[in-house]
Protein backbone atom coordinates (compact mmCIF):
# COMPACT_ATOMS: atom_id res chain seq x y z
CA MET A 1 0.08 0.46 -0.25
CA LYS A 2 1.18 3.36 -1.24
CA ASP A 3 1.90 5.77 2.18
CA GLN A 4 0.04 8.29 0.69
CA GLU A 5 -2.92 5.65 0.60
CA LEU A 6 -1.75 5.26 4.77
CA ILE A 7 -2.68 8.48 4.99
CA GLU A 8 -5.90 9.68 3.58
CA GLN A 9 -6.59 5.82 5.68
CA PHE A 10 -5.81 7.73 8.95
CA LEU A 11 -7.66 10.87 7.56
CA ASP A 12 -10.51 9.39 7.36
CA ALA A 13 -9.81 7.44 10.67
CA ALA A 14 -9.12 10.48 12.59
CA TRP A 15 -12.46 12.39 11.13
CA SER A 16 -14.74 9.37 12.13
CA GLU A 17 -13.76 8.20 14.94
CA GLN A 18 -12.43 12.06 16.64
CA GLY A 19 -14.60 14.36 14.89
CA LEU A 20 -12.10 16.31 14.05
CA SER A 21 -12.46 19.47 12.06
CA ASP A 22 -11.96 20.04 8.80
CA ASN A 23 -9.08 22.77 8.72
CA THR A 24 -7.18 19.92 11.88
CA LEU A 25 -7.69 17.20 8.77
CA SER A 26 -6.37 19.75 6.78
CA ALA A 27 -2.89 20.19 9.05
CA TYR A 28 -2.20 16.96 9.53
CA ARG A 29 -2.43 16.41 5.67
CA SER A 30 0.11 19.05 4.92
CA ASP A 31 1.68 18.00 7.47
CA LEU A 32 2.38 14.38 6.55
CA MET A 33 2.45 14.90 2.63
CA SER A 34 5.49 17.10 3.43
CA TYR A 35 7.39 14.31 5.89
CA LEU A 36 7.04 12.46 2.99
CA LYS A 37 8.43 14.14 0.57
CA TRP A 38 11.29 15.12 2.99
CA LEU A 39 11.61 11.30 3.62
CA ASP A 40 11.58 10.34 0.00
CA SER A 41 14.08 12.80 -1.39
CA ARG A 42 17.17 11.25 1.73
CA ASN A 43 16.14 7.71 0.84
CA PHE A 44 13.88 7.35 3.80
CA THR A 45 10.43 5.51 4.93
CA LEU A 46 7.97 5.52 7.83
CA GLN A 47 9.47 2.38 7.89
CA ASN A 48 13.02 2.43 8.72
CA ALA A 49 12.26 5.79 9.95
CA ASP A 50 13.65 6.73 13.39
CA TRP A 51 13.29 9.09 16.44
CA GLU A 52 16.53 11.35 14.94
CA THR A 53 15.08 11.17 11.22
CA VAL A 54 12.32 12.95 12.42
CA ILE A 55 13.85 15.08 14.78
CA ARG A 56 15.88 15.76 11.22
CA PHE A 57 12.25 16.60 9.91
CA LEU A 58 11.39 18.87 12.07
CA ASP A 59 14.98 21.07 12.60
CA SER A 60 14.15 20.78 8.83
CA TYR A 61 12.12 23.77 9.52
CA GLY A 62 14.67 26.17 11.35
CA HIS A 63 12.33 28.71 10.74
CA ALA A 64 9.28 27.49 12.52
CA SER A 65 7.89 28.93 15.57
CA PRO A 66 7.33 26.82 18.51
CA ARG A 67 3.67 25.88 17.40
CA SER A 68 4.84 24.93 14.91
CA ARG A 69 7.03 22.85 15.25
CA ALA A 70 5.08 21.21 18.25
CA ARG A 71 1.65 21.41 15.33
CA ARG A 72 3.73 18.95 12.91
CA LEU A 73 5.38 16.58 15.64
CA THR A 74 1.36 16.44 16.80
CA SER A 75 0.85 15.52 13.17
CA LEU A 76 3.39 12.62 12.80
CA ARG A 77 2.74 11.58 16.69
CA ARG A 78 -1.76 10.96 15.41
CA PHE A 79 -0.28 8.91 12.68
CA TYR A 80 2.43 6.62 14.42
CA ARG A 81 -0.13 5.73 16.53
CA TYR A 82 -2.25 4.92 14.39
CA LEU A 83 0.22 2.94 11.95
CA LEU A 84 0.87 1.13 15.09
CA ARG A 85 -2.18 0.32 16.46
CA GLU A 86 -3.10 -0.70 13.01
CA GLU A 87 -0.26 -3.15 13.55
CA LEU A 88 1.86 -1.53 10.22
CA ILE A 89 4.46 -0.85 12.21
CA HIS A 90 6.69 -2.08 14.92
CA GLU A 91 7.71 1.17 17.13
CA ASP A 92 6.77 4.91 17.30
CA PRO A 93 10.32 6.53 16.83
CA THR A 94 7.78 9.76 17.95
CA GLY A 95 7.54 7.74 21.66
CA ARG A 96 11.01 9.68 23.05
CA LEU A 97 10.26 13.12 21.35
CA LYS A 98 8.90 15.11 24.28
CA THR A 99 6.70 18.29 22.93
CA PRO A 100 5.15 20.88 25.70
CA ALA A 101 1.89 18.05 26.35
CA SER A 102 4.66 15.91 26.42
CA GLY A 103 3.86 12.03 27.71
CA ARG A 104 2.06 9.36 26.97
CA SER A 105 -1.13 10.15 25.49
CA LEU A 106 -4.45 7.45 27.08
CA PRO A 107 -7.24 6.09 25.04
CA LYS A 108 -9.84 8.06 25.97
CA SER A 109 -12.62 5.77 27.83
CA LEU A 110 -15.71 6.15 29.38
CA SER A 111 -16.89 5.46 32.76
CA GLU A 112 -19.36 2.82 33.86
CA GLU A 113 -21.74 5.11 34.48
CA ASP A 114 -21.26 6.81 31.48
CA VAL A 115 -21.97 3.76 29.52
CA GLU A 116 -25.20 2.96 30.94
CA ARG A 117 -25.84 6.52 30.04
CA LEU A 118 -25.42 6.08 26.35
CA LEU A 119 -26.28 2.11 26.32
CA ALA A 120 -30.34 3.85 27.77
CA ALA A 121 -30.13 6.37 25.10
CA PRO A 122 -31.87 4.83 21.64
CA ASN A 123 -35.32 4.25 21.89
CA PRO A 124 -36.30 0.43 21.58
CA GLU A 125 -39.63 0.82 20.05
CA GLN A 126 -38.01 2.52 17.37
CA THR A 127 -37.12 0.31 14.35
CA LEU A 128 -33.48 2.42 14.22
CA GLY A 129 -33.49 2.89 17.73
CA LEU A 130 -33.55 -0.54 18.16
CA ARG A 131 -30.81 -0.95 15.32
CA ASP A 132 -28.44 1.98 17.55
CA LYS A 133 -29.13 -0.52 20.58
CA ALA A 134 -28.18 -3.01 19.37
CA MET A 135 -25.45 -1.95 17.74
CA ILE A 136 -23.70 -0.11 20.94
CA GLU A 137 -24.72 -3.36 22.96
CA LEU A 138 -23.34 -5.30 21.08
CA ILE A 139 -19.94 -2.96 20.69
CA TYR A 140 -19.56 -2.57 24.31
CA ALA A 141 -19.65 -6.39 24.93
CA THR A 142 -17.29 -7.50 22.28
CA GLY A 143 -14.69 -4.26 22.34
CA LEU A 144 -14.75 -4.40 18.09
CA ARG A 145 -12.96 -2.26 15.74
CA VAL A 146 -16.24 -0.14 14.10
CA SER A 147 -15.22 -1.38 10.69
CA GLU A 148 -15.64 -5.23 12.08
CA LEU A 149 -19.25 -4.17 13.56
CA VAL A 150 -20.39 -2.45 10.40
CA ASN A 151 -19.11 -5.18 8.13
CA LEU A 152 -20.52 -8.25 10.59
CA THR A 153 -22.75 -10.32 8.44
CA LEU A 154 -25.92 -13.03 9.91
CA ARG A 155 -23.47 -16.13 9.07
CA GLU A 156 -21.18 -14.50 11.16
CA ILE A 157 -23.14 -14.25 14.38
CA ASN A 158 -24.20 -17.30 16.91
CA LEU A 159 -26.93 -16.13 19.12
CA GLN A 160 -27.78 -19.50 20.73
CA LEU A 161 -23.94 -20.17 21.32
CA GLY A 162 -23.70 -16.33 22.06
CA VAL A 163 -20.02 -15.04 19.92
CA VAL A 164 -19.07 -13.82 17.21
CA ARG A 165 -16.53 -14.76 14.70
CA ILE A 166 -14.41 -11.87 13.61
CA THR A 167 -11.71 -12.04 10.41
CA GLY A 168 -9.42 -9.60 11.75
CA LYS A 169 -6.35 -8.03 10.53
CA GLY A 170 -4.14 -10.55 8.22
CA GLY A 171 -7.17 -12.80 7.91
CA LYS A 172 -6.73 -13.66 11.62
CA GLU A 173 -10.10 -15.02 12.96
CA ARG A 174 -10.90 -14.28 16.15
CA ILE A 175 -13.77 -15.98 18.82
CA VAL A 176 -15.74 -12.64 20.94
CA PRO A 177 -18.61 -14.18 23.71
CA MET A 178 -21.14 -11.44 23.43
CA GLY A 179 -22.81 -11.82 27.01
CA GLU A 180 -26.91 -11.60 27.73
CA GLU A 181 -27.73 -8.24 27.00
CA ALA A 182 -26.46 -8.21 23.45
CA ILE A 183 -27.69 -11.56 22.88
CA GLU A 184 -31.21 -10.77 23.85
CA TRP A 185 -30.85 -7.21 21.97
CA LEU A 186 -29.79 -7.95 18.38
CA HIS A 187 -32.35 -11.08 18.59
CA ARG A 188 -34.77 -8.56 19.21
CA TYR A 189 -33.73 -6.16 16.45
CA ILE A 190 -32.90 -9.31 14.10
CA LYS A 191 -36.44 -9.82 14.24
CA GLN A 192 -38.43 -6.84 14.36
CA SER A 193 -36.30 -3.83 12.66
CA ARG A 194 -33.98 -5.58 10.39
CA PRO A 195 -36.74 -6.90 7.80
CA GLU A 196 -38.16 -3.26 8.30
CA ILE A 197 -35.19 -1.45 7.24
CA LEU A 198 -34.59 -3.69 4.23
CA LYS A 199 -38.24 -3.32 3.29
CA GLY A 200 -37.80 -7.50 0.87
CA ALA A 201 -34.61 -6.45 -0.53
CA THR A 202 -32.32 -9.40 0.61
CA SER A 203 -29.21 -8.96 2.54
CA ASP A 204 -25.58 -10.98 4.13
CA ALA A 205 -25.16 -7.15 5.95
CA LEU A 206 -26.11 -7.28 9.58
CA PHE A 207 -26.24 -3.49 10.30
CA PRO A 208 -28.00 -2.96 6.51
CA GLY A 209 -29.18 0.33 5.01
CA ARG A 210 -32.13 0.52 3.22
CA ASN A 211 -30.51 -0.21 0.17
CA GLY A 212 -28.68 -3.12 1.45
CA LYS A 213 -25.08 -2.38 1.68
CA ALA A 214 -23.54 -2.15 5.24
CA MET A 215 -23.89 0.54 7.10
CA GLY A 216 -21.35 2.92 6.95
CA ARG A 217 -18.33 3.61 9.39
CA HIS A 218 -19.69 7.06 9.39
CA ALA A 219 -23.02 6.66 9.29
CA PHE A 220 -22.34 5.07 12.57
CA TRP A 221 -20.09 7.53 14.12
CA HIS A 222 -22.90 10.06 13.70
CA ARG A 223 -25.28 8.06 15.29
CA VAL A 224 -23.29 7.57 18.22
CA LYS A 225 -22.17 11.21 18.42
CA GLN A 226 -26.32 11.70 18.00
CA LEU A 227 -26.59 9.54 20.99
CA THR A 228 -24.12 10.83 23.05
CA LEU A 229 -25.38 14.56 22.78
CA ALA A 230 -28.89 12.32 23.91
CA ALA A 231 -27.25 10.84 27.13
CA GLY A 232 -25.96 14.10 28.48
CA ILE A 233 -22.66 12.83 28.32
CA ASP A 234 -20.04 15.92 28.07
CA LYS A 235 -17.52 13.99 26.34
CA ALA A 236 -15.91 13.40 22.95
CA VAL A 237 -17.67 9.86 21.83
CA SER A 238 -16.85 7.41 18.90
CA PRO A 239 -17.88 3.89 18.36
CA HIS A 240 -13.38 3.52 19.40
CA THR A 241 -14.37 4.93 22.43
CA LEU A 242 -16.37 2.27 23.21
CA ARG A 243 -13.79 -0.25 22.40
CA HIS A 244 -11.69 1.65 24.92
CA ALA A 245 -13.84 1.31 27.38
CA PHE A 246 -14.86 -2.20 26.37
CA ALA A 247 -11.13 -3.00 28.01
CA THR A 248 -10.57 -0.35 30.42
CA HIS A 249 -13.47 -1.75 31.93
CA LEU A 250 -12.65 -5.51 32.03
CA LEU A 251 -9.08 -5.05 32.95
CA ASN A 252 -10.73 -3.10 36.24
CA HIS A 253 -12.87 -6.30 37.47
CA GLY A 254 -9.95 -8.20 37.14
CA ALA A 255 -9.17 -9.88 33.30
CA ASP A 256 -6.43 -10.94 32.56
CA LEU A 257 -4.28 -8.88 30.29
CA ARG A 258 -3.63 -11.65 27.81
CA VAL A 259 -7.42 -12.95 27.83
CA VAL A 260 -8.12 -9.14 26.35
CA GLN A 261 -4.83 -9.25 23.82
CA MET A 262 -6.87 -11.73 22.42
CA LEU A 263 -10.30 -10.57 22.63
CA LEU A 264 -9.23 -6.90 20.64
CA GLY A 265 -7.22 -9.21 18.23
CA HIS A 266 -4.32 -7.51 18.98
CA ARG A 267 -0.85 -9.00 17.30
CA ASP A 268 1.44 -8.31 20.07
CA ILE A 269 0.51 -7.67 23.83
CA SER A 270 2.12 -4.04 23.83
CA THR A 271 -0.43 -2.68 22.42
CA THR A 272 -2.68 -4.11 24.62
CA GLN A 273 -0.71 -3.01 27.73
CA ILE A 274 -2.17 0.56 27.50
CA TYR A 275 -5.25 -0.09 28.98
CA THR A 276 -3.37 -1.21 31.90
CA HIS A 277 -2.89 2.58 32.18
CA ILE A 278 -6.07 3.44 32.17
CA ALA A 279 -6.87 0.91 34.37
CA GLN A 280 -4.14 1.93 36.92
CA ALA A 281 -5.03 5.39 36.79
CA ARG A 282 -8.05 4.87 37.52
CA LEU A 283 -7.61 3.33 40.34
CA GLN A 284 -5.49 6.20 41.03
CA ASP A 285 -8.63 8.83 41.29
CA LEU A 286 -10.63 6.39 42.82
CA HIS A 287 -8.46 6.43 46.08
CA ALA A 288 -7.66 10.34 45.60
CA LYS A 289 -11.68 10.20 45.98
CA HIS A 290 -12.21 8.42 48.66
CA HIS A 291 -9.44 7.13 50.71
CA PRO A 292 -9.21 9.86 54.31
CA ARG A 293 -5.58 9.70 54.23
CA ALA A 294 -5.41 10.27 49.61
C-alpha cells in the first residue's frame, strides 16, 4: 500500500473516530505529505525512519515558530500511533520526543456510568432506535473495531452459542463472546427492525441500510455522536471510545491482560498494555477521591 493511501486512511479514521475538523485534517494532511516528500528525498521510508529522522525533519523547519513545530510533531505522532495501532509498524519513532504536552497520551475512555447512560439513549420502540441499541450493546460487549462491527454478516453471529466470529487484520480469525444483554437486543433487532429496514430486500449484512449494503463507518459515528448528546454526556465519544471502554472495564474488574489482548485481536501484547495504564489511573483517581488520607 502506498504511503499516501495510509495517510488518507489515517485521516478517514481520525474523522470518523474523533470528529476532527476540516481545518485540523487539512493541517495533518499538509504536514504528513511534506514529511513523506522529505523522507523520499533522503531515501527513507515510514518503516525505517527512527526518532533521529523525525528530529531532523522537524529541524529542517528551523525558521518555524515553536507552535508550528509542535503542531508538526503532533501530526506525526498521531499518524505513527495510528500505524502502530493498525500493526503496520512495530515501533513509534515519535515516542521518545517531547512536546509541551509531553508524555504518552492515554486513549479516552468512558466510566461505567457514562456507558450505561449511552446504552439507555436509543429508543428501542423505534426501528432505527432498536438497531442503534443493538449496535452499541454489541460493540461494548465485544470491543469490536468499528469496521468489524459494520461489516458483520448474519453468518458471523451465533445467538445460540452467544459468540461472534471476527476476521481481523491479515485474515486472522477470533471468536468473541457477546454476553446476554447483547444477545437479547440482537435477537429483537433481527426479528423486528432489520426486516423493516430492508423492506423486502435481501442482504447478508447484519446492519444494512435500505439499499441492502452494510452501514458505513461514518454513518455509525454520527449515530454515536447523536446518542452521546441525547445521553447528556459531556465528552467526545466515538465508536472507538466504546472499544476502549470495553478493554478498560474488563481490566478494572480483574480480567487477565492476555485475555483482553485475544478479545481485542491485538497481535502484540504491548498494544494492549496501554489499557493497564488507564486502569491504574482510574484506581488512583478513586483512591484520591475516597481514601481519608489520600
